[in-house]
Protein backbone atom coordinates (compact mmCIF):
# COMPACT_ATOMS: atom_id res chain seq x y z
CA MET A 1 6.98 24.21 11.52
CA GLU A 2 9.87 26.65 11.70
CA LYS A 3 8.82 27.84 15.15
CA CYS A 4 8.58 24.23 16.34
CA LYS A 5 11.99 23.44 14.88
CA ASP A 6 13.80 25.71 17.35
CA CYS A 7 13.07 23.31 20.23
CA HIS A 8 11.88 20.16 18.48
CA ALA A 9 14.39 19.88 15.61
CA GLU A 10 14.61 16.08 15.70
CA HIS A 11 10.84 15.65 15.45
CA VAL A 12 10.51 18.23 12.68
CA GLU A 13 13.34 16.59 10.73
CA THR A 14 11.74 13.14 11.04
CA TYR A 15 8.32 14.47 10.09
CA SER A 16 9.74 16.38 7.11
CA ARG A 17 10.91 13.11 5.56
CA TRP A 18 7.38 11.63 5.78
CA LYS A 19 5.62 11.68 2.41
CA TYR A 20 2.44 13.21 3.84
CA SER A 21 4.32 16.26 5.15
CA ARG A 22 4.27 17.72 1.63
CA ASN A 23 0.81 16.73 0.49
CA PHE A 24 -0.69 20.12 -0.40
CA ARG A 25 0.32 19.47 -4.01
CA ILE A 26 -2.03 16.47 -3.98
CA LEU A 27 -4.89 18.77 -2.97
CA GLU A 28 -3.94 21.06 -5.86
CA MET A 29 -3.86 18.15 -8.33
CA ARG A 30 -7.33 17.02 -7.19
CA GLY A 31 -8.82 20.52 -7.17
CA LYS A 32 -9.29 20.42 -3.40
CA ASP A 33 -6.83 23.22 -2.53
CA ARG A 34 -9.70 25.61 -1.74
CA ASP A 35 -11.98 23.10 0.00
CA PRO A 36 -12.50 24.23 3.63
CA GLU A 37 -12.95 20.63 4.79
CA CYS A 38 -9.47 19.77 3.49
CA LEU A 39 -7.78 23.04 4.41
CA ARG A 40 -8.59 22.73 8.12
CA CYS A 41 -5.96 19.94 8.43
CA HIS A 42 -3.84 20.37 5.32
CA THR A 43 -2.83 23.92 6.32
CA THR A 44 -2.03 25.69 9.57
CA GLY A 45 -4.63 28.02 11.05
CA TYR A 46 -7.09 28.04 8.15
CA GLY A 47 -9.99 30.33 9.01
CA LYS A 48 -8.21 31.73 12.07
CA PRO A 49 -6.55 35.14 12.53
CA GLY A 50 -2.95 34.90 11.34
CA GLY A 51 -3.56 31.51 9.72
CA PHE A 52 -3.46 30.16 6.18
CA VAL A 53 -5.22 32.41 3.66
CA ASP A 54 -4.14 31.01 0.30
CA ILE A 55 -1.05 29.61 -1.38
CA GLU A 56 0.04 33.04 -2.67
CA LYS A 57 -0.34 34.97 0.61
CA THR A 58 0.69 32.32 3.17
CA PRO A 59 2.71 29.59 1.41
CA ASP A 60 4.63 28.69 4.59
CA MET A 61 1.37 27.53 6.18
CA LYS A 62 0.52 24.92 3.54
CA ASN A 63 0.75 21.16 4.18
CA VAL A 64 -0.10 19.15 7.27
CA GLN A 65 2.09 20.62 10.01
CA CYS A 66 2.52 20.12 13.76
CA GLU A 67 -0.65 21.93 14.80
CA ALA A 68 -2.89 19.77 12.60
CA CYS A 69 -2.41 16.91 15.05
CA HIS A 70 -1.16 18.58 18.23
CA GLY A 71 -3.50 21.59 18.19
CA PRO A 72 -2.78 25.33 18.39
CA ALA A 73 0.62 26.09 19.88
CA SER A 74 0.95 29.88 20.01
CA LEU A 75 0.75 29.95 23.83
CA HIS A 76 3.35 27.18 24.02
CA VAL A 77 5.67 29.05 21.63
CA ASP A 78 5.35 32.24 23.70
CA ALA A 79 5.88 30.48 27.06
CA PRO A 80 7.21 26.94 26.44
CA THR A 81 7.96 26.14 30.08
CA VAL A 82 4.46 26.94 31.37
CA GLU A 83 2.91 23.52 31.95
CA GLU A 84 -0.66 24.38 30.90
CA HIS A 85 0.67 25.59 27.53
CA GLN A 86 2.34 22.28 26.74
CA ARG A 87 0.46 20.18 24.21
CA THR A 88 -0.09 16.48 24.37
CA LEU A 89 2.17 14.25 22.34
CA SER A 90 -0.45 11.56 21.94
CA ILE A 91 -2.35 11.80 18.69
CA PRO A 92 -5.79 10.20 18.31
CA LYS A 93 -5.61 7.12 16.07
CA ASN A 94 -8.50 8.29 13.92
CA ILE A 95 -7.25 11.84 13.37
CA CYS A 96 -6.71 11.23 9.64
CA THR A 97 -9.33 8.56 9.06
CA GLU A 98 -12.13 10.93 10.08
CA CYS A 99 -11.93 12.08 6.44
CA HIS A 100 -9.52 9.66 4.79
CA ARG A 101 -11.38 6.42 4.33
CA GLN A 102 -9.95 4.03 1.78
CA HIS A 103 -13.15 4.08 -0.29
CA LYS A 104 -13.21 7.88 -0.30
CA HIS A 105 -9.56 8.80 -0.91
CA MET A 106 -7.66 6.33 -3.01
CA GLY A 107 -3.95 6.34 -2.40
CA TYR A 108 -4.11 7.44 1.21
């Protein structure tokens, strides 16, 4: 989120206050911190070159961050004014509920 913060400080600040922005510890408590199904959203770039590897090697990539909802942003970061590199601000309503159903994940 640090790269996003340079241009989108207000959004990053607002998101950082949201309780789900720091939810990797919940994965750890539930023994899901190595589950690929969880890591694809609860980290940045899991399984991709330069992405999350593990909590020891890439701690700054833990938690749900901007790219989990908005998609990869490396092209946008490199050339933010190029229109085709700009990501959509709309987020699908079911982006979290694809996995987080009340009967499956209590407390979500």
